[in-house]
N, C-alpha and C. Protein backbone atom coordinates (compact mmCIF):
# COMPACT_ATOMS: atom_id res chain seq x y z
N MET A 1 27.15 51.94 69.38
CA MET A 1 27.35 51.91 67.94
C MET A 1 28.55 51.01 67.61
N ARG A 2 28.39 50.17 66.63
CA ARG A 2 29.47 49.28 66.21
C ARG A 2 30.26 49.92 65.08
N TRP A 3 31.53 49.59 65.01
CA TRP A 3 32.37 50.05 63.89
C TRP A 3 31.90 49.38 62.63
N GLN A 4 31.91 50.13 61.54
CA GLN A 4 31.48 49.57 60.27
C GLN A 4 32.65 49.10 59.41
N VAL A 5 33.86 49.47 59.80
CA VAL A 5 35.05 49.02 59.07
C VAL A 5 36.11 48.62 60.08
N GLU A 6 37.03 47.81 59.63
CA GLU A 6 38.15 47.42 60.47
C GLU A 6 39.16 48.56 60.58
N PRO A 7 39.88 48.65 61.71
CA PRO A 7 40.95 49.64 61.81
C PRO A 7 41.98 49.43 60.69
N ILE A 8 42.60 50.50 60.25
CA ILE A 8 43.57 50.46 59.15
C ILE A 8 44.97 50.60 59.72
N ASN A 9 45.85 49.68 59.36
CA ASN A 9 47.25 49.76 59.76
C ASN A 9 48.01 50.54 58.69
N ILE A 10 48.38 51.78 58.99
CA ILE A 10 49.04 52.65 58.02
C ILE A 10 50.35 52.03 57.54
N ASN A 11 51.11 51.41 58.43
CA ASN A 11 52.40 50.82 58.04
C ASN A 11 52.23 49.74 56.97
N GLU A 12 51.12 49.04 56.98
CA GLU A 12 50.86 48.03 55.96
C GLU A 12 50.41 48.64 54.64
N LYS A 13 49.91 49.86 54.66
CA LYS A 13 49.36 50.52 53.47
C LYS A 13 50.37 51.41 52.74
N LYS A 14 51.48 51.77 53.40
CA LYS A 14 52.44 52.69 52.78
C LYS A 14 53.01 52.10 51.50
N GLN A 15 53.01 52.91 50.43
CA GLN A 15 53.61 52.53 49.16
C GLN A 15 54.29 53.76 48.57
N PHE A 16 55.52 53.59 48.13
CA PHE A 16 56.28 54.67 47.50
C PHE A 16 56.60 54.26 46.07
N PHE A 17 56.48 55.22 45.14
CA PHE A 17 56.74 54.96 43.73
C PHE A 17 57.76 55.96 43.22
N LYS A 18 58.82 55.47 42.63
CA LYS A 18 59.86 56.36 42.08
C LYS A 18 59.33 57.17 40.89
N GLU A 19 58.41 56.57 40.12
CA GLU A 19 57.93 57.24 38.91
C GLU A 19 56.89 58.31 39.17
N GLY A 20 56.44 58.48 40.39
CA GLY A 20 55.49 59.54 40.71
C GLY A 20 54.56 59.15 41.84
N PHE A 21 53.91 60.14 42.36
CA PHE A 21 53.01 59.98 43.50
C PHE A 21 51.70 59.32 43.07
N LYS A 22 51.25 58.33 43.84
CA LYS A 22 49.95 57.69 43.63
C LYS A 22 49.30 57.53 45.00
N PRO A 23 48.18 58.21 45.26
CA PRO A 23 47.55 58.08 46.58
C PRO A 23 46.97 56.69 46.80
N GLN A 24 46.99 56.25 48.02
CA GLN A 24 46.35 55.01 48.44
C GLN A 24 45.06 55.44 49.15
N ILE A 25 43.91 55.13 48.60
CA ILE A 25 42.64 55.55 49.20
C ILE A 25 42.29 54.58 50.33
N LEU A 26 42.26 55.11 51.55
CA LEU A 26 41.97 54.30 52.73
C LEU A 26 40.47 54.17 52.97
N HIS A 27 39.72 55.22 52.57
CA HIS A 27 38.27 55.23 52.78
C HIS A 27 37.66 56.23 51.80
N ILE A 28 36.49 55.88 51.29
CA ILE A 28 35.74 56.83 50.47
C ILE A 28 34.26 56.61 50.72
N SER A 29 33.56 57.72 50.91
CA SER A 29 32.11 57.71 51.09
C SER A 29 31.60 59.04 50.52
N PRO A 30 30.29 59.23 50.46
CA PRO A 30 29.79 60.47 49.86
C PRO A 30 30.29 61.76 50.52
N LYS A 31 30.60 61.72 51.81
CA LYS A 31 31.01 62.95 52.50
C LYS A 31 32.45 62.95 52.99
N LEU A 32 33.18 61.86 52.78
CA LEU A 32 34.55 61.79 53.30
C LEU A 32 35.43 60.93 52.40
N LYS A 33 36.60 61.46 52.10
CA LYS A 33 37.63 60.70 51.37
C LYS A 33 38.91 60.77 52.20
N VAL A 34 39.57 59.62 52.41
CA VAL A 34 40.78 59.57 53.23
C VAL A 34 41.90 58.93 52.41
N PRO A 35 42.71 59.75 51.73
CA PRO A 35 43.86 59.20 51.02
C PRO A 35 45.09 59.16 51.92
N LEU A 36 45.94 58.16 51.69
CA LEU A 36 47.26 58.09 52.30
C LEU A 36 48.23 58.60 51.24
N ILE A 37 48.98 59.62 51.58
CA ILE A 37 49.91 60.26 50.66
C ILE A 37 51.32 59.84 51.05
N CYS A 38 51.99 59.11 50.17
CA CYS A 38 53.36 58.67 50.38
C CYS A 38 54.20 59.21 49.22
N MET A 39 55.17 60.06 49.53
CA MET A 39 55.95 60.70 48.49
C MET A 39 57.44 60.61 48.78
N GLU A 40 58.21 60.46 47.72
CA GLU A 40 59.66 60.49 47.83
C GLU A 40 60.11 61.96 47.78
N PRO A 41 61.32 62.27 48.29
CA PRO A 41 61.82 63.64 48.23
C PRO A 41 61.77 64.18 46.79
N GLY A 42 61.28 65.41 46.65
CA GLY A 42 61.19 66.05 45.34
C GLY A 42 59.88 65.82 44.62
N GLN A 43 59.10 64.83 45.02
CA GLN A 43 57.80 64.63 44.38
C GLN A 43 56.84 65.70 44.84
N MET A 44 55.87 66.02 43.96
CA MET A 44 54.96 67.13 44.23
C MET A 44 53.52 66.78 43.89
N ILE A 45 52.62 67.43 44.59
CA ILE A 45 51.22 67.53 44.16
C ILE A 45 51.06 69.01 43.82
N PRO A 46 50.87 69.35 42.54
CA PRO A 46 50.75 70.77 42.16
C PRO A 46 49.55 71.42 42.84
N THR A 47 49.62 72.73 43.03
CA THR A 47 48.51 73.44 43.66
C THR A 47 47.25 73.27 42.81
N HIS A 48 46.14 73.09 43.51
CA HIS A 48 44.84 72.88 42.87
C HIS A 48 43.75 73.26 43.87
N PRO A 49 42.60 73.75 43.40
CA PRO A 49 41.49 74.04 44.30
C PRO A 49 40.77 72.74 44.67
N SER A 50 40.20 72.72 45.85
CA SER A 50 39.48 71.53 46.27
C SER A 50 38.58 71.87 47.45
N GLY A 51 37.86 70.88 47.94
CA GLY A 51 37.04 71.05 49.13
C GLY A 51 37.92 71.18 50.36
N ALA A 52 37.30 71.26 51.52
CA ALA A 52 38.04 71.38 52.77
C ALA A 52 38.89 70.13 52.98
N GLY A 53 40.10 70.32 53.52
CA GLY A 53 40.99 69.20 53.76
C GLY A 53 41.81 69.38 55.01
N ILE A 54 42.05 68.28 55.70
CA ILE A 54 42.93 68.25 56.87
C ILE A 54 44.02 67.23 56.55
N PHE A 55 45.28 67.62 56.78
CA PHE A 55 46.43 66.79 56.45
C PHE A 55 47.27 66.59 57.70
N TYR A 56 47.45 65.33 58.11
CA TYR A 56 48.27 65.02 59.27
C TYR A 56 49.56 64.37 58.79
N VAL A 57 50.69 65.03 59.07
CA VAL A 57 52.00 64.54 58.63
C VAL A 57 52.50 63.52 59.64
N LEU A 58 52.58 62.27 59.20
CA LEU A 58 53.04 61.19 60.07
C LEU A 58 54.56 61.05 60.06
N GLU A 59 55.16 61.21 58.86
CA GLU A 59 56.61 61.04 58.71
C GLU A 59 57.14 62.05 57.71
N GLY A 60 58.38 62.49 57.92
CA GLY A 60 59.07 63.33 56.94
C GLY A 60 58.77 64.80 57.07
N SER A 61 59.13 65.55 56.01
CA SER A 61 58.88 66.98 55.97
C SER A 61 58.53 67.37 54.54
N ALA A 62 57.83 68.52 54.43
CA ALA A 62 57.36 68.99 53.13
C ALA A 62 57.10 70.48 53.18
N ILE A 63 56.96 71.06 52.01
CA ILE A 63 56.45 72.42 51.87
C ILE A 63 55.00 72.30 51.45
N PHE A 64 54.10 72.80 52.27
CA PHE A 64 52.68 72.85 51.93
C PHE A 64 52.37 74.26 51.45
N THR A 65 51.61 74.35 50.39
CA THR A 65 51.11 75.62 49.91
C THR A 65 49.60 75.61 50.09
N VAL A 66 49.07 76.60 50.81
CA VAL A 66 47.64 76.74 51.00
C VAL A 66 47.29 78.20 50.75
N ALA A 67 46.40 78.45 49.79
CA ALA A 67 45.95 79.80 49.44
C ALA A 67 47.14 80.73 49.15
N GLY A 68 48.13 80.21 48.44
CA GLY A 68 49.29 81.00 48.03
C GLY A 68 50.38 81.15 49.08
N GLU A 69 50.16 80.65 50.27
CA GLU A 69 51.14 80.78 51.35
C GLU A 69 51.88 79.45 51.54
N LYS A 70 53.22 79.50 51.55
CA LYS A 70 54.05 78.30 51.70
C LYS A 70 54.56 78.20 53.13
N LYS A 71 54.48 76.98 53.68
CA LYS A 71 54.98 76.69 55.02
C LYS A 71 55.67 75.34 55.02
N GLU A 72 56.84 75.27 55.69
CA GLU A 72 57.49 73.99 55.87
C GLU A 72 56.85 73.29 57.07
N VAL A 73 56.53 72.03 56.89
CA VAL A 73 55.92 71.23 57.96
C VAL A 73 56.69 69.93 58.10
N LYS A 74 56.59 69.34 59.29
CA LYS A 74 57.26 68.05 59.52
C LYS A 74 56.39 67.15 60.35
N SER A 75 56.89 65.97 60.61
CA SER A 75 56.17 64.96 61.36
C SER A 75 55.49 65.55 62.60
N GLY A 76 54.22 65.23 62.77
CA GLY A 76 53.46 65.74 63.91
C GLY A 76 52.63 66.96 63.58
N SER A 77 52.83 67.55 62.40
CA SER A 77 52.09 68.76 62.00
C SER A 77 50.73 68.41 61.41
N VAL A 78 49.79 69.33 61.60
CA VAL A 78 48.47 69.26 60.97
C VAL A 78 48.30 70.51 60.12
N VAL A 79 47.88 70.33 58.87
CA VAL A 79 47.61 71.45 57.97
C VAL A 79 46.13 71.41 57.63
N ILE A 80 45.46 72.56 57.74
CA ILE A 80 44.04 72.66 57.43
C ILE A 80 43.88 73.57 56.22
N ALA A 81 43.26 73.06 55.18
CA ALA A 81 43.00 73.84 53.97
C ALA A 81 41.49 74.09 53.86
N PRO A 82 41.07 75.36 53.89
CA PRO A 82 39.64 75.65 53.80
C PRO A 82 39.06 75.28 52.43
N HIS A 83 37.77 75.09 52.39
CA HIS A 83 37.07 74.77 51.14
C HIS A 83 37.40 75.81 50.07
N GLY A 84 37.81 75.33 48.90
CA GLY A 84 38.08 76.20 47.76
C GLY A 84 39.48 76.77 47.70
N ALA A 85 40.25 76.66 48.79
CA ALA A 85 41.62 77.20 48.79
C ALA A 85 42.53 76.30 47.96
N GLU A 86 43.35 76.91 47.12
CA GLU A 86 44.33 76.13 46.36
C GLU A 86 45.35 75.57 47.32
N ARG A 87 45.76 74.32 47.06
CA ARG A 87 46.75 73.69 47.93
C ARG A 87 47.63 72.75 47.13
N GLY A 88 48.83 72.54 47.65
CA GLY A 88 49.78 71.64 47.01
C GLY A 88 50.83 71.21 48.02
N ILE A 89 51.60 70.19 47.66
CA ILE A 89 52.62 69.62 48.56
C ILE A 89 53.88 69.34 47.76
N GLU A 90 55.03 69.67 48.35
CA GLU A 90 56.33 69.27 47.80
C GLU A 90 57.10 68.56 48.91
N ALA A 91 57.41 67.28 48.69
CA ALA A 91 58.11 66.48 49.70
C ALA A 91 59.58 66.90 49.77
N LYS A 92 60.07 67.17 50.97
CA LYS A 92 61.49 67.46 51.20
C LYS A 92 62.23 66.21 51.64
N GLU A 93 61.57 65.38 52.42
CA GLU A 93 62.06 64.08 52.86
C GLU A 93 60.99 63.06 52.49
N ARG A 94 61.32 61.80 52.65
CA ARG A 94 60.29 60.77 52.42
C ARG A 94 59.10 61.12 53.31
N LEU A 95 57.94 61.22 52.71
CA LEU A 95 56.77 61.81 53.36
C LEU A 95 55.62 60.83 53.45
N VAL A 96 54.95 60.80 54.62
CA VAL A 96 53.73 60.02 54.81
C VAL A 96 52.72 60.95 55.46
N VAL A 97 51.59 61.15 54.78
CA VAL A 97 50.52 62.05 55.25
C VAL A 97 49.19 61.34 55.12
N VAL A 98 48.36 61.46 56.15
CA VAL A 98 46.96 61.01 56.05
C VAL A 98 46.14 62.28 55.83
N ALA A 99 45.31 62.27 54.77
CA ALA A 99 44.48 63.43 54.47
C ALA A 99 43.02 63.06 54.67
N PHE A 100 42.25 64.06 55.07
CA PHE A 100 40.80 63.90 55.26
C PHE A 100 40.14 65.00 54.43
N HIS A 101 39.42 64.60 53.39
CA HIS A 101 38.74 65.54 52.50
C HIS A 101 37.24 65.46 52.74
N ALA A 102 36.65 66.57 53.17
CA ALA A 102 35.20 66.61 53.41
C ALA A 102 34.50 66.97 52.11
N GLY A 103 33.39 66.29 51.85
CA GLY A 103 32.69 66.50 50.60
C GLY A 103 31.45 67.30 50.71
């Protein structure tokens, strides 16, 4: 099987905005969405319900809220949010996360 897309260099895609968080969509298809989440300290994604999601923290630290439970995570952590569970993120340090949302 051949690859259908070129590999993505995360370092080339990172973007930080002082005025607020804006995801960089790395891939989107009917069953998968892959946003790159780059946040400055103090920026937040408010809790919201969504489909299943896997979040891999590449850089920094944050407080993740999943189904009402808060946990501090840092570089190297993986957070799994089940389908329908409310989730949110608050960056403690400059944060880079790759998320995988199943549709």
